[in-house]
Protein backbone atom coordinates (compact mmCIF):
# COMPACT_ATOMS: atom_id res chain seq x y z
CA MET A 1 0.01 -0.04 0.05
CA ASP A 2 1.22 3.55 -0.65
CA ARG A 3 1.81 6.16 1.93
CA LEU A 4 -1.61 7.40 3.32
CA GLU A 5 -3.06 10.71 1.90
CA PRO A 6 -2.96 13.59 4.36
CA ASN A 7 -6.97 13.51 4.33
CA THR A 8 -7.15 9.77 5.37
CA GLY A 9 -9.67 9.76 8.17
CA LEU A 10 -9.45 7.14 11.07
CA VAL A 11 -12.85 5.53 12.33
CA LEU A 12 -12.79 3.61 15.56
CA GLU A 13 -15.52 0.99 16.17
CA GLY A 14 -16.70 0.33 19.79
CA GLY A 15 -17.56 -2.90 21.36
CA GLY A 16 -16.84 -2.73 24.96
CA MET A 17 -13.82 -4.79 26.10
CA ARG A 18 -13.25 -5.73 22.65
CA GLY A 19 -11.83 -2.31 22.43
CA VAL A 20 -8.56 -3.53 23.89
CA PHE A 21 -7.65 -4.62 20.33
CA THR A 22 -8.10 -0.92 19.09
CA SER A 23 -6.00 0.22 21.97
CA GLY A 24 -3.08 -2.07 20.83
CA VAL A 25 -3.60 -1.04 17.31
CA LEU A 26 -3.47 2.80 18.30
CA ASP A 27 -0.25 2.15 20.50
CA ALA A 28 1.24 0.53 17.45
CA MET A 29 0.42 3.79 15.51
CA MET A 30 1.82 5.96 18.42
CA LYS A 31 5.13 3.89 18.28
CA HIS A 32 5.57 4.89 14.62
CA GLU A 33 4.29 8.18 14.84
CA LEU A 34 1.40 7.69 12.71
CA TYR A 35 -1.30 10.30 13.17
CA PHE A 36 -4.40 11.24 11.50
CA SER A 37 -5.96 14.84 11.13
CA TYR A 38 -9.40 13.31 11.53
CA VAL A 39 -10.51 10.50 13.95
CA VAL A 40 -14.44 9.57 14.61
CA ALA A 41 -14.80 7.18 17.42
CA VAL A 42 -17.72 5.28 19.17
CA SER A 43 -18.14 3.88 22.61
CA ALA A 44 -14.81 2.17 23.81
CA GLY A 45 -13.41 3.38 20.52
CA ALA A 46 -13.93 7.00 21.85
CA CYS A 47 -12.23 5.92 25.07
CA ASN A 48 -9.18 4.48 23.33
CA GLY A 49 -9.01 7.32 20.94
CA MET A 50 -8.75 10.04 23.67
CA SER A 51 -5.56 8.41 24.68
CA TYR A 52 -4.49 8.52 21.13
CA ILE A 53 -5.28 12.16 20.63
CA SER A 54 -3.57 13.02 23.88
CA ARG A 55 -0.24 11.00 22.83
CA GLN A 56 -0.24 8.69 25.86
CA PRO A 57 1.06 5.34 24.53
CA ARG A 58 -0.19 2.40 26.68
CA ARG A 59 -2.42 4.54 28.70
CA ALA A 60 -5.60 2.94 27.34
CA ARG A 61 -4.14 -0.59 27.62
CA TYR A 62 -3.56 0.17 31.22
CA SER A 63 -6.92 1.55 31.70
CA ASN A 64 -8.59 -1.51 29.98
CA ILE A 65 -6.53 -4.29 31.50
CA ASP A 66 -4.50 -3.52 34.52
CA ALA A 67 -7.00 -0.94 35.98
CA LEU A 68 -9.81 -3.47 35.55
CA GLU A 69 -8.00 -6.07 37.35
CA LYS A 70 -7.07 -3.91 40.07
CA TYR A 71 -10.23 -1.88 40.90
CA GLY A 72 -12.67 -4.15 39.56
CA TYR A 73 -14.74 -1.36 37.75
CA ILE A 74 -17.01 -3.85 35.92
CA SER A 75 -19.58 -5.37 38.27
CA LEU A 76 -23.25 -6.20 38.92
CA LYS A 77 -22.52 -4.15 42.22
CA SER A 78 -21.77 -1.17 40.19
CA LEU A 79 -24.92 -1.76 38.21
CA LEU A 80 -27.08 -2.06 41.27
CA THR A 81 -25.55 0.84 43.31
CA LYS A 82 -24.68 3.28 40.65
CA GLY A 83 -26.85 2.43 37.79
CA SER A 84 -24.15 1.36 35.33
CA ILE A 85 -22.39 -1.92 35.02
CA PHE A 86 -19.09 0.20 34.24
CA ASP A 87 -18.38 2.16 37.45
CA PRO A 88 -18.42 5.84 36.31
CA ASN A 89 -16.62 7.20 39.30
CA ILE A 90 -13.71 5.01 38.76
CA LEU A 91 -13.82 5.36 34.57
CA TYR A 92 -14.35 8.89 34.40
CA GLU A 93 -13.21 10.72 37.28
CA ARG A 94 -10.61 8.47 39.30
CA LEU A 95 -8.87 7.28 35.94
CA PRO A 96 -8.22 10.61 34.28
CA ASN A 97 -7.59 12.76 37.18
CA GLU A 98 -5.62 10.12 39.61
CA ILE A 99 -4.93 6.56 38.88
CA ALA A 100 -3.85 7.04 35.20
CA PRO A 101 -3.52 10.76 34.56
CA PHE A 102 -4.95 12.04 31.26
CA ASP A 103 -2.72 14.89 29.48
CA TYR A 104 -5.62 17.44 28.99
CA GLU A 105 -2.98 19.86 27.72
CA THR A 106 -1.63 17.74 24.78
CA TYR A 107 -5.22 16.66 24.13
CA GLY A 108 -6.27 20.38 23.81
CA GLN A 109 -3.49 21.54 21.81
CA ASN A 110 -3.72 18.74 19.21
CA PRO A 111 -5.16 20.32 16.09
CA ALA A 112 -6.49 17.10 14.69
CA THR A 113 -10.37 16.72 14.75
CA PHE A 114 -11.72 14.19 17.04
CA GLU A 115 -15.37 13.26 17.08
CA MET A 116 -17.24 11.17 19.36
CA VAL A 117 -20.38 9.57 18.35
CA THR A 118 -23.51 9.46 20.80
CA THR A 119 -27.06 8.62 20.47
CA ASN A 120 -29.67 11.62 21.04
CA CYS A 121 -32.37 9.75 23.49
CA LEU A 122 -35.02 12.54 22.09
CA THR A 123 -34.46 12.13 18.35
CA GLY A 124 -33.25 8.52 18.35
CA ARG A 125 -30.28 9.83 16.04
CA ALA A 126 -26.58 9.89 16.22
CA GLU A 127 -24.57 13.17 17.07
CA TYR A 128 -21.03 13.76 16.35
CA LEU A 129 -19.43 15.92 19.06
CA GLU A 130 -16.18 17.12 19.75
CA GLU A 131 -14.80 18.98 22.97
CA LYS A 132 -11.02 20.01 23.60
CA HIS A 133 -11.18 22.54 26.36
CA ASP A 134 -14.15 22.03 28.72
CA ARG A 135 -13.11 19.02 30.83
CA GLN A 136 -16.32 18.43 32.27
CA ARG A 137 -18.11 18.55 28.98
CA MET A 138 -15.36 16.40 27.37
CA MET A 139 -15.83 13.67 29.88
CA ALA A 140 -19.66 13.88 29.41
CA ILE A 141 -19.45 13.20 25.91
CA VAL A 142 -17.00 10.09 26.17
CA LYS A 143 -19.23 8.81 28.89
CA ALA A 144 -22.17 9.24 26.90
CA SER A 145 -20.68 7.66 24.03
CA SER A 146 -19.97 4.68 25.98
CA SER A 147 -23.09 4.43 28.22
CA LEU A 148 -24.38 1.01 26.80
CA PRO A 149 -28.37 0.63 26.81
CA TYR A 150 -30.05 -1.09 29.72
CA VAL A 151 -26.79 -1.41 31.75
CA SER A 152 -25.92 2.32 31.97
CA GLN A 153 -27.58 5.61 32.92
CA VAL A 154 -28.58 8.03 30.38
CA THR A 155 -25.84 10.90 30.48
CA MET A 156 -26.62 14.48 29.93
CA VAL A 157 -24.57 16.49 27.32
CA ASP A 158 -25.54 19.98 26.83
CA GLY A 159 -28.84 19.36 28.53
CA THR A 160 -29.57 16.60 26.30
CA PRO A 161 -30.12 12.76 27.35
CA MET A 162 -27.63 10.85 25.42
CA LEU A 163 -26.56 7.20 25.28
CA ASP A 164 -23.90 5.06 23.24
CA GLY A 165 -23.39 5.84 19.74
CA GLY A 166 -23.15 2.44 18.77
CA ILE A 167 -26.89 2.25 19.08
CA VAL A 168 -27.40 3.93 15.78
CA ASP A 169 -23.94 4.32 14.20
CA SER A 170 -21.36 1.81 15.39
CA ILE A 171 -18.87 2.21 12.53
CA PRO A 172 -19.12 5.92 11.30
CA VAL A 173 -17.37 5.60 8.12
CA GLU A 174 -20.29 7.51 6.38
CA ARG A 175 -19.69 10.29 8.79
CA ALA A 176 -15.87 10.48 7.97
CA ILE A 177 -16.86 10.56 4.27
CA GLU A 178 -19.47 13.43 4.77
CA THR A 179 -16.72 15.51 6.50
CA GLY A 180 -14.50 15.30 3.34
CA HIS A 181 -12.40 12.09 3.93
CA PRO A 182 -13.05 9.89 0.94
CA PHE A 183 -10.62 7.12 2.12
CA ASN A 184 -10.66 5.95 5.66
CA VAL A 185 -8.83 3.42 7.74
CA VAL A 186 -11.34 1.57 9.82
CA VAL A 187 -10.42 -0.40 12.96
CA MET A 188 -12.79 -3.00 13.87
CA THR A 189 -13.43 -5.17 16.86
CA ARG A 190 -14.88 -8.07 14.99
CA ASN A 191 -13.65 -10.83 12.81
CA LYS A 192 -14.11 -10.62 9.08
CA GLY A 193 -17.53 -12.15 7.99
CA PHE A 194 -18.98 -11.68 11.42
CA ARG A 195 -22.85 -10.84 11.20
CA SER A 196 -24.98 -10.56 14.45
CA SER A 197 -27.29 -13.57 15.06
CA GLU A 198 -29.44 -11.54 17.38
CA HIS A 199 -33.12 -10.76 16.55
CA ASP A 200 -34.35 -7.36 16.66
CA VAL A 201 -37.36 -7.00 18.88
CA LYS A 202 -39.79 -4.26 19.52
CA ILE A 203 -38.91 -2.42 22.59
CA PRO A 204 -41.77 -2.34 25.32
CA ARG A 205 -43.29 1.18 26.05
CA MET A 206 -42.31 0.45 29.76
CA VAL A 207 -38.65 0.79 28.77
CA TYR A 208 -37.11 4.10 28.04
CA LYS A 209 -40.74 5.62 28.32
CA ARG A 210 -39.55 8.98 27.96
CA TYR A 211 -37.73 8.25 24.80
CA PRO A 212 -39.99 6.77 22.19
CA ARG A 213 -37.59 7.57 19.27
CA LEU A 214 -34.83 5.93 21.11
CA ARG A 215 -37.01 2.67 21.27
CA VAL A 216 -37.50 2.82 17.61
CA ALA A 217 -33.71 3.18 17.17
CA LEU A 218 -33.05 0.17 19.80
CA SER A 219 -35.78 -1.96 17.88
CA HIS A 220 -33.46 -1.66 14.69
CA ARG A 221 -30.12 -1.89 16.27
CA VAL A 222 -29.26 -5.41 14.96
CA GLU A 223 -30.33 -4.70 11.34
CA ALA A 224 -28.39 -1.37 11.28
CA TYR A 225 -25.19 -2.90 12.57
CA ASN A 226 -25.55 -5.93 10.08
CA GLN A 227 -25.87 -3.33 7.07
CA GLN A 228 -22.89 -1.42 8.46
CA LEU A 229 -20.64 -4.64 8.38
CA ASP A 230 -21.97 -5.30 4.84
CA LEU A 231 -21.09 -1.78 3.58
CA ILE A 232 -17.84 -1.96 5.36
CA GLU A 233 -16.84 -5.21 3.46
CA ARG A 234 -18.14 -3.83 -0.01
CA MET A 235 -15.89 -0.78 0.52
CA GLU A 236 -13.18 -2.71 1.57
CA GLN A 237 -13.49 -4.78 -1.50
CA TRP A 238 -13.84 -1.44 -3.63
CA GLY A 239 -10.60 -0.27 -2.27
CA GLU A 240 -12.28 2.51 -0.45
CA VAL A 241 -11.43 1.73 3.08
CA VAL A 242 -8.67 -0.25 4.83
CA VAL A 243 -9.86 -2.40 7.50
CA ILE A 244 -7.72 -3.37 10.71
CA ARG A 245 -9.48 -6.20 12.35
CA PRO A 246 -8.79 -9.12 14.81
CA GLN A 247 -7.55 -12.49 12.73
CA ARG A 248 -7.86 -14.76 15.77
CA PRO A 249 -11.20 -16.17 16.65
CA MET A 250 -12.89 -13.53 19.06
CA GLU A 251 -12.68 -14.73 22.78
CA VAL A 252 -13.63 -11.50 24.30
CA ASP A 253 -17.08 -10.22 24.99
CA ARG A 254 -18.25 -6.53 25.82
CA ILE A 255 -17.86 -7.10 29.62
CA CYS A 256 -15.05 -9.47 29.59
CA ARG A 257 -12.99 -9.43 32.75
CA ASP A 258 -10.27 -11.95 32.12
CA PRO A 259 -6.82 -10.36 31.86
CA LYS A 260 -5.29 -13.04 30.03
CA LYS A 261 -7.87 -13.00 27.32
CA LEU A 262 -7.68 -9.14 27.17
CA GLU A 263 -3.76 -9.22 26.95
CA ARG A 264 -3.84 -11.68 23.96
CA LEU A 265 -6.27 -9.48 22.25
CA TYR A 266 -4.45 -6.39 22.93
CA GLU A 267 -1.13 -7.78 21.76
CA GLU A 268 -3.08 -9.14 18.56
CA GLY A 269 -4.26 -5.39 18.14
CA PHE A 270 -0.47 -4.26 18.63
CA GLN A 271 0.69 -6.63 15.92
CA GLU A 272 -1.75 -5.79 13.44
CA GLY A 273 -1.07 -2.17 13.82
CA GLU A 274 2.48 -3.00 13.41
CA ARG A 275 1.80 -4.65 10.09
CA PHE A 276 -0.33 -1.81 8.96
CA CYS A 277 2.20 0.96 9.79
CA ALA A 278 5.08 -1.16 7.85
CA SER A 279 2.42 -1.33 4.84
CA VAL A 280 1.97 2.24 4.64
CA GLY A 281 5.82 3.23 5.17
CA TYR A 282 5.88 4.10 8.68
């Protein structure tokens, strides 16, 4: 592959703890000083993308593996006591400000555009938000982008209730194209050929009763995701995207807490990232 054009975009899929693959890819890119001027990221991809924009190699790896093992921030107890299966106090307060300090200054000075995808609960549509300077708003956006439906609380951003961007736009390559990036590198957290075998169901009115349009979006979530997977594979065939994805059978799910499985997936991501960097001359 030839060296990347300057306006190439980087698209980061989510996937909960499968995102450790993405953190490995991004660490390899940082090792080789491969940086993109436009990055759009969803859910776990947004969390990992923040450490890429702040130029902090292995920070996301530590947060996803070591800090999880040490602080146990995924738990039923957190869901019952704090309304989220991912402890929001640890993830969005203690981690960036105390446990694994986030470089807010470098992040704010980075000229790259970094958009995080959320789902607007009122409209049932995706929103693409950026924040480089207001720390509180920045954390609200990344928290909203990662707030999985049913097991996380709705997060308010600019007075609007938001949830996980993956509900509507799990792989925002079309957004990247709309913003002037016709060719994109897409980091995915599923093997090639994967399609969700889950079935969409109509969400009962008692669930998210204040947000009827969110219920509609949730009722078509599987179909929308599989359609995006179809699109990515077609674009890959046509040479419109390059996809970096896991090659080994996936053994990590959204809420995996097994450090050995997570470490293996991280290492695979790093190796795939190294391979990609070599292919584009970095």
